[in-house]
């Protein structure tokens, strides 16, 4: 079943605000891999048990 999440709308908003996003990333020195944990990061199940 399609989610109808509006990818095109999201893409247009990001494109229209790209200069603002770039300035924010530059101000806070955020690179394209900022949120990447890397291949050596533990899995969530290794960190949290339910």
PDB file of N, CA and C in Angstrom:
ATOM      1  N   UNK A   1       0.854  -1.181   0.000  1.00  0.00           N
ATOM      2  CA  UNK A   1       0.000   0.000   0.000  1.00  0.00           C
ATOM      3  C   UNK A   1       0.899   1.243   0.000  1.00  0.00           C
ATOM      4  N   UNK A   2       0.669   2.186  -0.907  1.00  0.00           N
ATOM      5  CA  UNK A   2       1.495   3.405  -0.953  1.00  0.00           C
ATOM      6  C   UNK A   2       1.274   4.282   0.274  1.00  0.00           C
ATOM      7  N   UNK A   3       2.350   4.939   0.670  1.00  0.00           N
ATOM      8  CA  UNK A   3       2.264   5.806   1.854  1.00  0.00           C
ATOM      9  C   UNK A   3       1.819   7.217   1.512  1.00  0.00           C
ATOM     10  N   UNK A   4       1.955   7.609   0.235  1.00  0.00           N
ATOM     11  CA  UNK A   4       1.592   8.965  -0.205  1.00  0.00           C
ATOM     12  C   UNK A   4       2.257  10.028   0.666  1.00  0.00           C
ATOM     13  N   UNK A   5       3.525   9.859   0.909  1.00  0.00           N
ATOM     14  CA  UNK A   5       4.258  10.745   1.818  1.00  0.00           C
ATOM     15  C   UNK A   5       4.693  12.047   1.179  1.00  0.00           C
ATOM     16  N   UNK A   6       4.434  12.217  -0.087  1.00  0.00           N
ATOM     17  CA  UNK A   6       4.710  13.501  -0.729  1.00  0.00           C
ATOM     18  C   UNK A   6       6.180  13.774  -0.963  1.00  0.00           C
ATOM     19  N   UNK A   7       6.887  12.801  -1.512  1.00  0.00           N
ATOM     20  CA  UNK A   7       8.318  12.980  -1.764  1.00  0.00           C
ATOM     21  C   UNK A   7       8.607  14.206  -2.611  1.00  0.00           C
ATOM     22  N   UNK A   8       7.777  14.463  -3.601  1.00  0.00           N
ATOM     23  CA  UNK A   8       8.002  15.617  -4.475  1.00  0.00           C
ATOM     24  C   UNK A   8       7.889  16.925  -3.695  1.00  0.00           C
ATOM     25  N   UNK A   9       6.935  17.006  -2.782  1.00  0.00           N
ATOM     26  CA  UNK A   9       6.767  18.213  -1.961  1.00  0.00           C
ATOM     27  C   UNK A   9       7.980  18.401  -1.061  1.00  0.00           C
ATOM     28  N   UNK A  10       8.413  17.330  -0.448  1.00  0.00           N
ATOM     29  CA  UNK A  10       9.578  17.388   0.437  1.00  0.00           C
ATOM     30  C   UNK A  10      10.806  17.832  -0.347  1.00  0.00           C
ATOM     31  N   UNK A  11      10.994  17.260  -1.519  1.00  0.00           N
ATOM     32  CA  UNK A  11      12.145  17.611  -2.362  1.00  0.00           C
ATOM     33  C   UNK A  11      12.117  19.091  -2.737  1.00  0.00           C
ATOM     34  N   UNK A  12      10.937  19.613  -3.095  1.00  0.00           N
ATOM     35  CA  UNK A  12      10.820  21.032  -3.458  1.00  0.00           C
ATOM     36  C   UNK A  12      11.141  21.937  -2.283  1.00  0.00           C
ATOM     37  N   UNK A  13      10.690  21.590  -1.093  1.00  0.00           N
ATOM     38  CA  UNK A  13      10.966  22.413   0.088  1.00  0.00           C
ATOM     39  C   UNK A  13      12.465  22.417   0.383  1.00  0.00           C
ATOM     40  N   UNK A  14      13.085  21.255   0.340  1.00  0.00           N
ATOM     41  CA  UNK A  14      14.529  21.179   0.599  1.00  0.00           C
ATOM     42  C   UNK A  14      15.299  21.988  -0.438  1.00  0.00           C
ATOM     43  N   UNK A  15      14.928  21.859  -1.708  1.00  0.00           N
ATOM     44  CA  UNK A  15      15.616  22.612  -2.756  1.00  0.00           C
ATOM     45  C   UNK A  15      15.438  24.119  -2.578  1.00  0.00           C
ATOM     46  N   UNK A  16      14.237  24.541  -2.183  1.00  0.00           N
ATOM     47  CA  UNK A  16      13.995  25.976  -2.023  1.00  0.00           C
ATOM     48  C   UNK A  16      14.721  26.549  -0.811  1.00  0.00           C
ATOM     49  N   UNK A  17      15.018  25.702   0.169  1.00  0.00           N
ATOM     50  CA  UNK A  17      15.689  26.172   1.386  1.00  0.00           C
ATOM     51  C   UNK A  17      17.150  25.741   1.449  1.00  0.00           C
ATOM     52  N   UNK A  18      17.684  25.248   0.320  1.00  0.00           N
ATOM     53  CA  UNK A  18      19.057  24.745   0.304  1.00  0.00           C
ATOM     54  C   UNK A  18      20.086  25.769   0.777  1.00  0.00           C
ATOM     55  N   UNK A  19      20.009  27.035   0.353  1.00  0.00           N
ATOM     56  CA  UNK A  19      20.994  28.008   0.857  1.00  0.00           C
ATOM     57  C   UNK A  19      20.955  28.147   2.382  1.00  0.00           C
ATOM     58  N   UNK A  20      19.758  28.127   2.943  1.00  0.00           N
ATOM     59  CA  UNK A  20      19.614  28.211   4.401  1.00  0.00           C
ATOM     60  C   UNK A  20      20.198  26.970   5.075  1.00  0.00           C
ATOM     61  N   UNK A  21      19.939  25.802   4.507  1.00  0.00           N
ATOM     62  CA  UNK A  21      20.487  24.555   5.058  1.00  0.00           C
ATOM     63  C   UNK A  21      22.011  24.541   4.967  1.00  0.00           C
ATOM     64  N   UNK A  22      22.543  24.973   3.830  1.00  0.00           N
ATOM     65  CA  UNK A  22      24.006  25.024   3.658  1.00  0.00           C
ATOM     66  C   UNK A  22      24.647  25.964   4.676  1.00  0.00           C
ATOM     67  N   UNK A  23      24.035  27.115   4.904  1.00  0.00           N
ATOM     68  CA  UNK A  23      24.571  28.074   5.876  1.00  0.00           C
ATOM     69  C   UNK A  23      24.546  27.484   7.289  1.00  0.00           C
ATOM     70  N   UNK A  24      23.480  26.787   7.624  1.00  0.00           N
ATOM     71  CA  UNK A  24      23.363  26.145   8.944  1.00  0.00           C
ATOM     72  C   UNK A  24      24.464  25.104   9.119  1.00  0.00           C
ATOM     73  N   UNK A  25      24.644  24.261   8.097  1.00  0.00           N
ATOM     74  CA  UNK A  25      25.678  23.222   8.168  1.00  0.00           C
ATOM     75  C   UNK A  25      27.069  23.825   8.284  1.00  0.00           C
ATOM     76  N   UNK A  26      27.310  24.902   7.543  1.00  0.00           N
ATOM     77  CA  UNK A  26      28.614  25.555   7.614  1.00  0.00           C
ATOM     78  C   UNK A  26      28.827  26.188   8.994  1.00  0.00           C
ATOM     79  N   UNK A  27      27.804  26.841   9.521  1.00  0.00           N
ATOM     80  CA  UNK A  27      27.921  27.490  10.834  1.00  0.00           C
ATOM     81  C   UNK A  27      28.273  26.487  11.922  1.00  0.00           C
ATOM     82  N   UNK A  28      27.691  25.306  11.845  1.00  0.00           N
ATOM     83  CA  UNK A  28      27.897  24.293  12.884  1.00  0.00           C
ATOM     84  C   UNK A  28      28.917  23.233  12.482  1.00  0.00           C
ATOM     85  N   UNK A  29      29.601  23.463  11.356  1.00  0.00           N
ATOM     86  CA  UNK A  29      30.640  22.564  10.855  1.00  0.00           C
ATOM     87  C   UNK A  29      30.135  21.123  10.740  1.00  0.00           C
ATOM     88  N   UNK A  30      28.968  20.974  10.108  1.00  0.00           N
ATOM     89  CA  UNK A  30      28.368  19.661   9.903  1.00  0.00           C
ATOM     90  C   UNK A  30      28.683  19.175   8.501  1.00  0.00           C
ATOM     91  N   UNK A  31      29.346  18.054   8.404  1.00  0.00           N
ATOM     92  CA  UNK A  31      29.671  17.477   7.106  1.00  0.00           C
ATOM     93  C   UNK A  31      28.586  16.513   6.648  1.00  0.00           C
ATOM     94  N   UNK A  32      28.753  15.985   5.452  1.00  0.00           N
ATOM     95  CA  UNK A  32      27.746  15.082   4.894  1.00  0.00           C
ATOM     96  C   UNK A  32      27.664  13.757   5.644  1.00  0.00           C
ATOM     97  N   UNK A  33      28.684  13.435   6.426  1.00  0.00           N
ATOM     98  CA  UNK A  33      28.670  12.175   7.188  1.00  0.00           C
ATOM     99  C   UNK A  33      28.516  12.416   8.684  1.00  0.00           C
ATOM    100  N   UNK A  34      28.008  13.581   9.053  1.00  0.00           N
ATOM    101  CA  UNK A  34      27.902  13.949  10.460  1.00  0.00           C
ATOM    102  C   UNK A  34      27.159  12.908  11.295  1.00  0.00           C
ATOM    103  N   UNK A  35      26.048  12.391  10.798  1.00  0.00           N
ATOM    104  CA  UNK A  35      25.249  11.439  11.565  1.00  0.00           C
ATOM    105  C   UNK A  35      25.669   9.993  11.360  1.00  0.00           C
ATOM    106  N   UNK A  36      26.668   9.752  10.546  1.00  0.00           N
ATOM    107  CA  UNK A  36      27.103   8.396  10.280  1.00  0.00           C
ATOM    108  C   UNK A  36      27.837   7.835  11.494  1.00  0.00           C
ATOM    109  N   UNK A  37      27.461   6.655  11.876  1.00  0.00           N
ATOM    110  CA  UNK A  37      28.104   6.015  13.029  1.00  0.00           C
ATOM    111  C   UNK A  37      29.275   5.146  12.610  1.00  0.00           C
ATOM    112  N   UNK A  38      29.359   4.828  11.340  1.00  0.00           N
ATOM    113  CA  UNK A  38      30.458   4.006  10.861  1.00  0.00           C
ATOM    114  C   UNK A  38      30.171   2.530  11.016  1.00  0.00           C
ATOM    115  N   UNK A  39      30.988   1.727  10.379  1.00  0.00           N
ATOM    116  CA  UNK A  39      30.755   0.280  10.388  1.00  0.00           C
ATOM    117  C   UNK A  39      31.081  -0.372  11.727  1.00  0.00           C
ATOM    118  N   UNK A  40      31.831   0.308  12.583  1.00  0.00           N
ATOM    119  CA  UNK A  40      32.216  -0.273  13.864  1.00  0.00           C
ATOM    120  C   UNK A  40      31.251   0.067  14.998  1.00  0.00           C
ATOM    121  N   UNK A  41      30.206   0.806  14.705  1.00  0.00           N
ATOM    122  CA  UNK A  41      29.239   1.186  15.730  1.00  0.00           C
ATOM    123  C   UNK A  41      28.427  -0.035  16.154  1.00  0.00           C
ATOM    124  N   UNK A  42      28.104  -0.128  17.437  1.00  0.00           N
ATOM    125  CA  UNK A  42      27.278  -1.266  17.883  1.00  0.00           C
ATOM    126  C   UNK A  42      25.849  -1.136  17.355  1.00  0.00           C
ATOM    127  N   UNK A  43      25.198  -2.253  17.174  1.00  0.00           N
ATOM    128  CA  UNK A  43      23.804  -2.217  16.745  1.00  0.00           C
ATOM    129  C   UNK A  43      22.938  -1.788  17.933  1.00  0.00           C
ATOM    130  N   UNK A  44      21.763  -1.335  17.650  1.00  0.00           N
ATOM    131  CA  UNK A  44      20.865  -0.869  18.708  1.00  0.00           C
ATOM    132  C   UNK A  44      20.536  -2.007  19.678  1.00  0.00           C
ATOM    133  N   UNK A  45      20.450  -3.225  19.175  1.00  0.00           N
ATOM    134  CA  UNK A  45      20.144  -4.360  20.070  1.00  0.00           C
ATOM    135  C   UNK A  45      21.306  -4.692  20.994  1.00  0.00           C
ATOM    136  N   UNK A  46      22.524  -4.281  20.628  1.00  0.00           N
ATOM    137  CA  UNK A  46      23.669  -4.459  21.519  1.00  0.00           C
ATOM    138  C   UNK A  46      23.689  -3.423  22.628  1.00  0.00           C
ATOM    139  N   UNK A  47      23.009  -2.305  22.411  1.00  0.00           N
ATOM    140  CA  UNK A  47      23.037  -1.196  23.359  1.00  0.00           C
ATOM    141  C   UNK A  47      21.808  -1.192  24.271  1.00  0.00           C
ATOM    142  N   UNK A  48      20.653  -1.554  23.709  1.00  0.00           N
ATOM    143  CA  UNK A  48      19.390  -1.482  24.450  1.00  0.00           C
ATOM    144  C   UNK A  48      18.716  -2.835  24.452  1.00  0.00           C
ATOM    145  N   UNK A  49      18.307  -3.265  25.609  1.00  0.00           N
ATOM    146  CA  UNK A  49      17.524  -4.513  25.665  1.00  0.00           C
ATOM    147  C   UNK A  49      16.102  -4.180  26.115  1.00  0.00           C
ATOM    148  N   UNK A  50      15.175  -4.816  25.467  1.00  0.00           N
ATOM    149  CA  UNK A  50      13.755  -4.603  25.800  1.00  0.00           C
ATOM    150  C   UNK A  50      13.185  -5.779  26.549  1.00  0.00           C
TER     151      UNK A  50
END
